[in-house]
């Protein structure tokens, strides 16, 4: 059997294996683990009980009850999703609770998925291209900085040293922290946040290792196209500016 025949057989085997994996992944409309969200999800089991104790709620979300309620009232309209014949959407308060838990702890999306029993598609929000276009236009008008999607920088959030972590969270400012890496628009509103990296990491390292930075480097983001400004071809967009 020559090498060409072997290559063809190998390709056919890999193709069948891939098709089999796709079929296996489609066995459930909702994965059995996720289907137990309404009786075993962390929001259902924990959140309402935490609201009976202000201190415990603050420890869980890093936000007082009055502040979280005010935030919910401001975001309720944008968070509400329409119920369809196919499924009931995740509730607005639960969506906010998941976001606050992520911001409070910086835990991984995988951990949040398991604890709250929600799908991967819920955890990975996409940036709207229209928002990026608007941000670029506002930066040009307000800062005279054309062809830039948004400034990016890191902020150290002071924490108590987690046990058994050595110097991983100890930063150059001589205290323990996690890093909040953010991209903002011309109105100082967050476009992207990445929270929870070790305090010892530099901004460039945190950016490179983060989900947003990796997708940017792989050119997987739907960025605006190159454009001509005042007769000059600006080429690709500036990806970041410090």
C-alpha atoms as a PDB file:
ATOM      1  CA  UNK A   1       0.000   0.000   0.000  1.00  0.00           C
ATOM      2  CA  UNK A   2       1.562   3.265  -1.141  1.00  0.00           C
ATOM      3  CA  UNK A   3       1.699   6.555   0.809  1.00  0.00           C
ATOM      4  CA  UNK A   4      -1.100   8.167  -1.248  1.00  0.00           C
ATOM      5  CA  UNK A   5      -3.536   5.356  -0.418  1.00  0.00           C
ATOM      6  CA  UNK A   6      -2.600   5.578   3.259  1.00  0.00           C
ATOM      7  CA  UNK A   7      -3.204   9.334   3.240  1.00  0.00           C
ATOM      8  CA  UNK A   8      -6.661   8.867   1.683  1.00  0.00           C
ATOM      9  CA  UNK A   9      -7.601   6.219   4.261  1.00  0.00           C
ATOM     10  CA  UNK A  10      -6.386   8.459   7.089  1.00  0.00           C
ATOM     11  CA  UNK A  11      -8.446  11.418   5.813  1.00  0.00           C
ATOM     12  CA  UNK A  12     -11.564   9.241   5.513  1.00  0.00           C
ATOM     13  CA  UNK A  13     -11.054   7.933   9.040  1.00  0.00           C
ATOM     14  CA  UNK A  14     -10.654  11.446  10.477  1.00  0.00           C
ATOM     15  CA  UNK A  15     -13.723  12.666   8.573  1.00  0.00           C
ATOM     16  CA  UNK A  16     -15.891   9.840   9.924  1.00  0.00           C
ATOM     17  CA  UNK A  17     -14.568  10.410  13.431  1.00  0.00           C
ATOM     18  CA  UNK A  18     -15.430  14.128  13.210  1.00  0.00           C
ATOM     19  CA  UNK A  19     -18.942  13.369  11.915  1.00  0.00           C
ATOM     20  CA  UNK A  20     -19.478  10.849  14.717  1.00  0.00           C
ATOM     21  CA  UNK A  21     -18.397  13.419  17.302  1.00  0.00           C
ATOM     22  CA  UNK A  22     -20.870  15.943  15.860  1.00  0.00           C
ATOM     23  CA  UNK A  23     -23.699  13.419  16.106  1.00  0.00           C
ATOM     24  CA  UNK A  24     -22.766  12.616  19.705  1.00  0.00           C
ATOM     25  CA  UNK A  25     -22.731  16.311  20.595  1.00  0.00           C
ATOM     26  CA  UNK A  26     -26.260  16.676  19.222  1.00  0.00           C
ATOM     27  CA  UNK A  27     -27.765  13.925  21.357  1.00  0.00           C
ATOM     28  CA  UNK A  28     -29.392  16.508  23.635  1.00  0.00           C
ATOM     29  CA  UNK A  29     -31.292  19.714  22.955  1.00  0.00           C
ATOM     30  CA  UNK A  30     -30.225  20.733  26.467  1.00  0.00           C
ATOM     31  CA  UNK A  31     -27.448  18.831  28.217  1.00  0.00           C
ATOM     32  CA  UNK A  32     -28.798  16.876  31.238  1.00  0.00           C
ATOM     33  CA  UNK A  33     -26.461  18.763  33.584  1.00  0.00           C
ATOM     34  CA  UNK A  34     -27.734  22.125  32.348  1.00  0.00           C
ATOM     35  CA  UNK A  35     -31.342  20.942  32.438  1.00  0.00           C
ATOM     36  CA  UNK A  36     -31.117  20.854  36.247  1.00  0.00           C
ATOM     37  CA  UNK A  37     -30.507  24.606  36.458  1.00  0.00           C
ATOM     38  CA  UNK A  38     -33.982  25.381  37.818  1.00  0.00           C
ATOM     39  CA  UNK A  39     -33.554  23.170  40.883  1.00  0.00           C
ATOM     40  CA  UNK A  40     -29.780  22.840  41.312  1.00  0.00           C
ATOM     41  CA  UNK A  41     -28.295  25.994  39.805  1.00  0.00           C
ATOM     42  CA  UNK A  42     -26.404  28.264  42.183  1.00  0.00           C
ATOM     43  CA  UNK A  43     -28.787  31.175  41.591  1.00  0.00           C
ATOM     44  CA  UNK A  44     -31.840  29.138  42.579  1.00  0.00           C
ATOM     45  CA  UNK A  45     -30.163  27.385  45.509  1.00  0.00           C
ATOM     46  CA  UNK A  46     -28.064  30.212  46.934  1.00  0.00           C
ATOM     47  CA  UNK A  47     -28.931  33.724  45.805  1.00  0.00           C
ATOM     48  CA  UNK A  48     -32.360  34.214  47.396  1.00  0.00           C
ATOM     49  CA  UNK A  49     -31.047  32.840  50.687  1.00  0.00           C
ATOM     50  CA  UNK A  50     -28.081  35.224  50.560  1.00  0.00           C
ATOM     51  CA  UNK A  51     -30.447  38.175  50.203  1.00  0.00           C
ATOM     52  CA  UNK A  52     -31.649  37.529  53.742  1.00  0.00           C
ATOM     53  CA  UNK A  53     -28.183  38.372  55.044  1.00  0.00           C
ATOM     54  CA  UNK A  54     -26.573  41.628  53.878  1.00  0.00           C
ATOM     55  CA  UNK A  55     -23.041  40.605  54.880  1.00  0.00           C
ATOM     56  CA  UNK A  56     -23.202  37.256  53.103  1.00  0.00           C
ATOM     57  CA  UNK A  57     -24.610  38.851  49.964  1.00  0.00           C
ATOM     58  CA  UNK A  58     -21.813  41.425  49.947  1.00  0.00           C
ATOM     59  CA  UNK A  59     -19.225  38.664  50.353  1.00  0.00           C
ATOM     60  CA  UNK A  60     -20.761  36.790  47.412  1.00  0.00           C
ATOM     61  CA  UNK A  61     -21.207  39.692  44.963  1.00  0.00           C
ATOM     62  CA  UNK A  62     -18.966  42.420  46.472  1.00  0.00           C
ATOM     63  CA  UNK A  63     -21.993  44.693  46.276  1.00  0.00           C
ATOM     64  CA  UNK A  64     -24.611  45.816  48.798  1.00  0.00           C
ATOM     65  CA  UNK A  65     -28.216  44.803  48.334  1.00  0.00           C
ATOM     66  CA  UNK A  66     -29.369  48.362  47.648  1.00  0.00           C
ATOM     67  CA  UNK A  67     -26.630  48.885  45.032  1.00  0.00           C
ATOM     68  CA  UNK A  68     -27.362  45.586  43.270  1.00  0.00           C
ATOM     69  CA  UNK A  69     -31.086  46.385  43.215  1.00  0.00           C
ATOM     70  CA  UNK A  70     -30.377  49.816  41.751  1.00  0.00           C
ATOM     71  CA  UNK A  71     -28.090  48.278  39.141  1.00  0.00           C
ATOM     72  CA  UNK A  72     -30.788  45.757  38.260  1.00  0.00           C
ATOM     73  CA  UNK A  73     -33.382  48.513  37.784  1.00  0.00           C
ATOM     74  CA  UNK A  74     -31.027  50.290  35.356  1.00  0.00           C
ATOM     75  CA  UNK A  75     -30.240  47.138  33.366  1.00  0.00           C
ATOM     76  CA  UNK A  76     -33.539  45.248  33.501  1.00  0.00           C
ATOM     77  CA  UNK A  77     -34.749  46.347  30.064  1.00  0.00           C
ATOM     78  CA  UNK A  78     -31.476  45.415  28.354  1.00  0.00           C
ATOM     79  CA  UNK A  79     -31.189  42.093  30.188  1.00  0.00           C
ATOM     80  CA  UNK A  80     -34.704  40.847  29.495  1.00  0.00           C
ATOM     81  CA  UNK A  81     -34.969  38.199  26.778  1.00  0.00           C
ATOM     82  CA  UNK A  82     -38.132  37.057  25.035  1.00  0.00           C
ATOM     83  CA  UNK A  83     -39.672  33.691  25.891  1.00  0.00           C
ATOM     84  CA  UNK A  84     -40.185  31.487  22.828  1.00  0.00           C
ATOM     85  CA  UNK A  85     -41.917  28.179  22.063  1.00  0.00           C
ATOM     86  CA  UNK A  86     -38.491  26.520  22.072  1.00  0.00           C
ATOM     87  CA  UNK A  87     -37.262  27.479  25.544  1.00  0.00           C
ATOM     88  CA  UNK A  88     -37.545  29.837  28.495  1.00  0.00           C
ATOM     89  CA  UNK A  89     -34.604  32.303  28.649  1.00  0.00           C
ATOM     90  CA  UNK A  90     -32.376  32.783  31.671  1.00  0.00           C
ATOM     91  CA  UNK A  91     -34.009  35.334  33.973  1.00  0.00           C
ATOM     92  CA  UNK A  92     -32.778  38.909  34.205  1.00  0.00           C
ATOM     93  CA  UNK A  93     -31.803  38.710  37.879  1.00  0.00           C
ATOM     94  CA  UNK A  94     -29.934  35.474  37.242  1.00  0.00           C
ATOM     95  CA  UNK A  95     -28.023  37.065  34.372  1.00  0.00           C
ATOM     96  CA  UNK A  96     -26.971  39.926  36.619  1.00  0.00           C
ATOM     97  CA  UNK A  97     -26.055  37.534  39.431  1.00  0.00           C
ATOM     98  CA  UNK A  98     -23.747  35.552  37.134  1.00  0.00           C
ATOM     99  CA  UNK A  99     -22.072  38.751  35.959  1.00  0.00           C
ATOM    100  CA  UNK A 100     -21.581  40.024  39.523  1.00  0.00           C
ATOM    101  CA  UNK A 101     -20.173  36.692  40.654  1.00  0.00           C
ATOM    102  CA  UNK A 102     -17.674  36.768  37.791  1.00  0.00           C
ATOM    103  CA  UNK A 103     -16.651  40.345  38.565  1.00  0.00           C
ATOM    104  CA  UNK A 104     -16.380  39.595  42.290  1.00  0.00           C
ATOM    105  CA  UNK A 105     -14.188  36.503  41.955  1.00  0.00           C
ATOM    106  CA  UNK A 106     -12.606  36.465  38.504  1.00  0.00           C
ATOM    107  CA  UNK A 107     -13.371  32.736  38.339  1.00  0.00           C
ATOM    108  CA  UNK A 108     -13.275  30.937  35.019  1.00  0.00           C
ATOM    109  CA  UNK A 109     -16.222  30.658  32.646  1.00  0.00           C
ATOM    110  CA  UNK A 110     -16.052  26.877  33.060  1.00  0.00           C
ATOM    111  CA  UNK A 111     -16.568  27.204  36.804  1.00  0.00           C
ATOM    112  CA  UNK A 112     -19.494  29.589  36.344  1.00  0.00           C
ATOM    113  CA  UNK A 113     -21.095  27.264  33.804  1.00  0.00           C
ATOM    114  CA  UNK A 114     -20.951  24.329  36.192  1.00  0.00           C
ATOM    115  CA  UNK A 115     -22.123  26.291  39.242  1.00  0.00           C
ATOM    116  CA  UNK A 116     -25.003  28.103  37.537  1.00  0.00           C
ATOM    117  CA  UNK A 117     -25.643  25.335  34.984  1.00  0.00           C
ATOM    118  CA  UNK A 118     -25.765  27.536  31.892  1.00  0.00           C
ATOM    119  CA  UNK A 119     -24.543  26.865  28.367  1.00  0.00           C
ATOM    120  CA  UNK A 120     -21.229  27.936  26.848  1.00  0.00           C
ATOM    121  CA  UNK A 121     -22.962  30.249  24.372  1.00  0.00           C
ATOM    122  CA  UNK A 122     -24.357  32.287  27.268  1.00  0.00           C
ATOM    123  CA  UNK A 123     -20.894  32.816  28.768  1.00  0.00           C
ATOM    124  CA  UNK A 124     -19.250  34.077  25.575  1.00  0.00           C
ATOM    125  CA  UNK A 125     -20.860  37.366  24.581  1.00  0.00           C
ATOM    126  CA  UNK A 126     -19.827  38.913  21.269  1.00  0.00           C
ATOM    127  CA  UNK A 127     -18.934  42.528  20.692  1.00  0.00           C
ATOM    128  CA  UNK A 128     -21.318  44.225  18.289  1.00  0.00           C
ATOM    129  CA  UNK A 129     -19.485  45.603  15.250  1.00  0.00           C
ATOM    130  CA  UNK A 130     -21.731  48.685  15.234  1.00  0.00           C
ATOM    131  CA  UNK A 131     -20.529  49.471  18.761  1.00  0.00           C
ATOM    132  CA  UNK A 132     -16.901  49.303  17.592  1.00  0.00           C
ATOM    133  CA  UNK A 133     -17.632  51.570  14.632  1.00  0.00           C
ATOM    134  CA  UNK A 134     -19.332  54.093  16.922  1.00  0.00           C
ATOM    135  CA  UNK A 135     -16.476  53.963  19.428  1.00  0.00           C
ATOM    136  CA  UNK A 136     -13.915  54.619  16.694  1.00  0.00           C
ATOM    137  CA  UNK A 137     -15.912  57.583  15.382  1.00  0.00           C
ATOM    138  CA  UNK A 138     -16.283  59.111  18.845  1.00  0.00           C
ATOM    139  CA  UNK A 139     -12.555  58.769  19.559  1.00  0.00           C
ATOM    140  CA  UNK A 140     -11.788  60.632  16.363  1.00  0.00           C
ATOM    141  CA  UNK A 141     -14.232  63.431  17.234  1.00  0.00           C
ATOM    142  CA  UNK A 142     -13.385  63.811  20.931  1.00  0.00           C
ATOM    143  CA  UNK A 143      -9.686  62.950  21.037  1.00  0.00           C
ATOM    144  CA  UNK A 144      -8.631  63.587  17.431  1.00  0.00           C
ATOM    145  CA  UNK A 145      -7.367  59.998  17.378  1.00  0.00           C
ATOM    146  CA  UNK A 146      -8.626  58.336  14.177  1.00  0.00           C
ATOM    147  CA  UNK A 147      -8.725  54.655  13.379  1.00  0.00           C
ATOM    148  CA  UNK A 148      -8.603  53.464  17.010  1.00  0.00           C
ATOM    149  CA  UNK A 149     -11.172  51.120  18.539  1.00  0.00           C
ATOM    150  CA  UNK A 150     -10.511  52.013  22.161  1.00  0.00           C
ATOM    151  CA  UNK A 151      -7.845  52.509  24.844  1.00  0.00           C
ATOM    152  CA  UNK A 152      -6.859  49.441  26.834  1.00  0.00           C
ATOM    153  CA  UNK A 153      -5.190  49.273  30.229  1.00  0.00           C
ATOM    154  CA  UNK A 154      -4.965  47.189  33.378  1.00  0.00           C
ATOM    155  CA  UNK A 155      -6.042  48.035  36.926  1.00  0.00           C
ATOM    156  CA  UNK A 156      -4.860  46.226  40.050  1.00  0.00           C
ATOM    157  CA  UNK A 157      -7.700  45.317  42.420  1.00  0.00           C
ATOM    158  CA  UNK A 158      -6.386  44.882  45.972  1.00  0.00           C
ATOM    159  CA  UNK A 159      -7.242  41.529  47.598  1.00  0.00           C
ATOM    160  CA  UNK A 160      -6.276  39.481  50.621  1.00  0.00           C
ATOM    161  CA  UNK A 161      -3.622  36.928  49.814  1.00  0.00           C
ATOM    162  CA  UNK A 162      -5.289  33.611  48.862  1.00  0.00           C
ATOM    163  CA  UNK A 163      -3.892  30.661  50.774  1.00  0.00           C
ATOM    164  CA  UNK A 164      -1.166  28.519  49.222  1.00  0.00           C
ATOM    165  CA  UNK A 165      -0.516  30.925  46.314  1.00  0.00           C
ATOM    166  CA  UNK A 166       3.007  32.093  47.122  1.00  0.00           C
ATOM    167  CA  UNK A 167       3.799  35.317  45.276  1.00  0.00           C
ATOM    168  CA  UNK A 168       1.446  34.788  42.333  1.00  0.00           C
ATOM    169  CA  UNK A 169      -0.867  37.648  43.375  1.00  0.00           C
ATOM    170  CA  UNK A 170       1.900  39.950  44.661  1.00  0.00           C
ATOM    171  CA  UNK A 171       2.304  42.906  42.292  1.00  0.00           C
ATOM    172  CA  UNK A 172       5.046  45.471  41.637  1.00  0.00           C
ATOM    173  CA  UNK A 173       3.222  47.953  43.874  1.00  0.00           C
ATOM    174  CA  UNK A 174       3.949  45.653  46.826  1.00  0.00           C
ATOM    175  CA  UNK A 175       0.451  44.389  47.595  1.00  0.00           C
ATOM    176  CA  UNK A 176      -1.711  41.432  46.572  1.00  0.00           C
ATOM    177  CA  UNK A 177      -4.128  41.928  43.692  1.00  0.00           C
ATOM    178  CA  UNK A 178      -5.985  40.562  40.708  1.00  0.00           C
ATOM    179  CA  UNK A 179      -5.851  42.432  37.409  1.00  0.00           C
ATOM    180  CA  UNK A 180      -8.808  44.023  35.648  1.00  0.00           C
ATOM    181  CA  UNK A 181      -7.931  44.466  31.977  1.00  0.00           C
ATOM    182  CA  UNK A 182     -10.405  46.655  30.097  1.00  0.00           C
ATOM    183  CA  UNK A 183     -11.069  48.299  26.752  1.00  0.00           C
ATOM    184  CA  UNK A 184     -13.191  51.466  26.949  1.00  0.00           C
ATOM    185  CA  UNK A 185     -14.880  53.742  24.451  1.00  0.00           C
ATOM    186  CA  UNK A 186     -14.680  57.525  24.119  1.00  0.00           C
ATOM    187  CA  UNK A 187     -17.338  57.911  26.835  1.00  0.00           C
ATOM    188  CA  UNK A 188     -15.386  55.807  29.374  1.00  0.00           C
ATOM    189  CA  UNK A 189     -17.807  52.890  29.017  1.00  0.00           C
ATOM    190  CA  UNK A 190     -16.475  49.339  29.065  1.00  0.00           C
ATOM    191  CA  UNK A 191     -16.364  47.498  25.753  1.00  0.00           C
ATOM    192  CA  UNK A 192     -14.428  44.494  27.062  1.00  0.00           C
ATOM    193  CA  UNK A 193     -13.315  43.375  30.512  1.00  0.00           C
ATOM    194  CA  UNK A 194     -11.035  40.506  31.540  1.00  0.00           C
ATOM    195  CA  UNK A 195     -10.822  40.019  35.299  1.00  0.00           C
ATOM    196  CA  UNK A 196      -8.909  37.696  37.586  1.00  0.00           C
ATOM    197  CA  UNK A 197      -5.344  37.446  36.272  1.00  0.00           C
ATOM    198  CA  UNK A 198      -2.531  37.148  38.832  1.00  0.00           C
ATOM    199  CA  UNK A 199      -1.314  40.473  40.193  1.00  0.00           C
ATOM    200  CA  UNK A 200       2.284  39.601  39.352  1.00  0.00           C
ATOM    201  CA  UNK A 201       1.526  39.670  35.619  1.00  0.00           C
ATOM    202  CA  UNK A 202       2.384  42.655  33.438  1.00  0.00           C
ATOM    203  CA  UNK A 203      -0.300  44.321  31.320  1.00  0.00           C
ATOM    204  CA  UNK A 204       1.128  42.857  28.123  1.00  0.00           C
ATOM    205  CA  UNK A 205       1.217  39.325  29.566  1.00  0.00           C
ATOM    206  CA  UNK A 206      -2.325  39.581  30.958  1.00  0.00           C
ATOM    207  CA  UNK A 207      -3.557  40.829  27.584  1.00  0.00           C
ATOM    208  CA  UNK A 208      -1.796  38.069  25.628  1.00  0.00           C
ATOM    209  CA  UNK A 209      -3.121  35.317  27.896  1.00  0.00           C
ATOM    210  CA  UNK A 210      -6.680  36.673  28.098  1.00  0.00           C
ATOM    211  CA  UNK A 211      -9.596  35.426  25.988  1.00  0.00           C
ATOM    212  CA  UNK A 212      -9.995  38.764  24.181  1.00  0.00           C
ATOM    213  CA  UNK A 213      -6.276  39.146  23.475  1.00  0.00           C
ATOM    214  CA  UNK A 214      -5.962  35.635  22.090  1.00  0.00           C
ATOM    215  CA  UNK A 215      -8.954  36.067  19.791  1.00  0.00           C
ATOM    216  CA  UNK A 216      -7.539  39.397  18.619  1.00  0.00           C
ATOM    217  CA  UNK A 217      -4.168  37.869  17.796  1.00  0.00           C
ATOM    218  CA  UNK A 218      -5.890  35.027  15.895  1.00  0.00           C
ATOM    219  CA  UNK A 219      -7.940  37.612  13.970  1.00  0.00           C
ATOM    220  CA  UNK A 220     -11.210  36.067  15.189  1.00  0.00           C
ATOM    221  CA  UNK A 221     -12.911  39.365  16.057  1.00  0.00           C
ATOM    222  CA  UNK A 222     -15.226  41.114  13.626  1.00  0.00           C
ATOM    223  CA  UNK A 223     -13.210  44.335  13.485  1.00  0.00           C
ATOM    224  CA  UNK A 224     -14.056  47.252  11.170  1.00  0.00           C
ATOM    225  CA  UNK A 225     -12.304  47.264   7.821  1.00  0.00           C
ATOM    226  CA  UNK A 226      -9.399  49.516   6.846  1.00  0.00           C
ATOM    227  CA  UNK A 227     -10.486  52.950   5.631  1.00  0.00           C
ATOM    228  CA  UNK A 228      -9.252  56.117   3.966  1.00  0.00           C
ATOM    229  CA  UNK A 229      -9.193  59.337   6.041  1.00  0.00           C
ATOM    230  CA  UNK A 230      -8.426  62.701   4.417  1.00  0.00           C
ATOM    231  CA  UNK A 231      -7.002  60.957   1.385  1.00  0.00           C
ATOM    232  CA  UNK A 232      -4.677  58.679   3.376  1.00  0.00           C
ATOM    233  CA  UNK A 233      -5.059  54.926   3.483  1.00  0.00           C
ATOM    234  CA  UNK A 234      -4.948  54.228   7.224  1.00  0.00           C
ATOM    235  CA  UNK A 235      -4.573  50.480   6.761  1.00  0.00           C
ATOM    236  CA  UNK A 236      -5.728  48.100   9.523  1.00  0.00           C
ATOM    237  CA  UNK A 237      -7.182  49.588  12.698  1.00  0.00           C
ATOM    238  CA  UNK A 238      -4.983  50.331  15.660  1.00  0.00           C
ATOM    239  CA  UNK A 239      -5.721  47.356  17.902  1.00  0.00           C
ATOM    240  CA  UNK A 240      -4.823  49.101  21.164  1.00  0.00           C
ATOM    241  CA  UNK A 241      -3.422  52.319  22.552  1.00  0.00           C
ATOM    242  CA  UNK A 242      -2.079  52.838  26.082  1.00  0.00           C
END
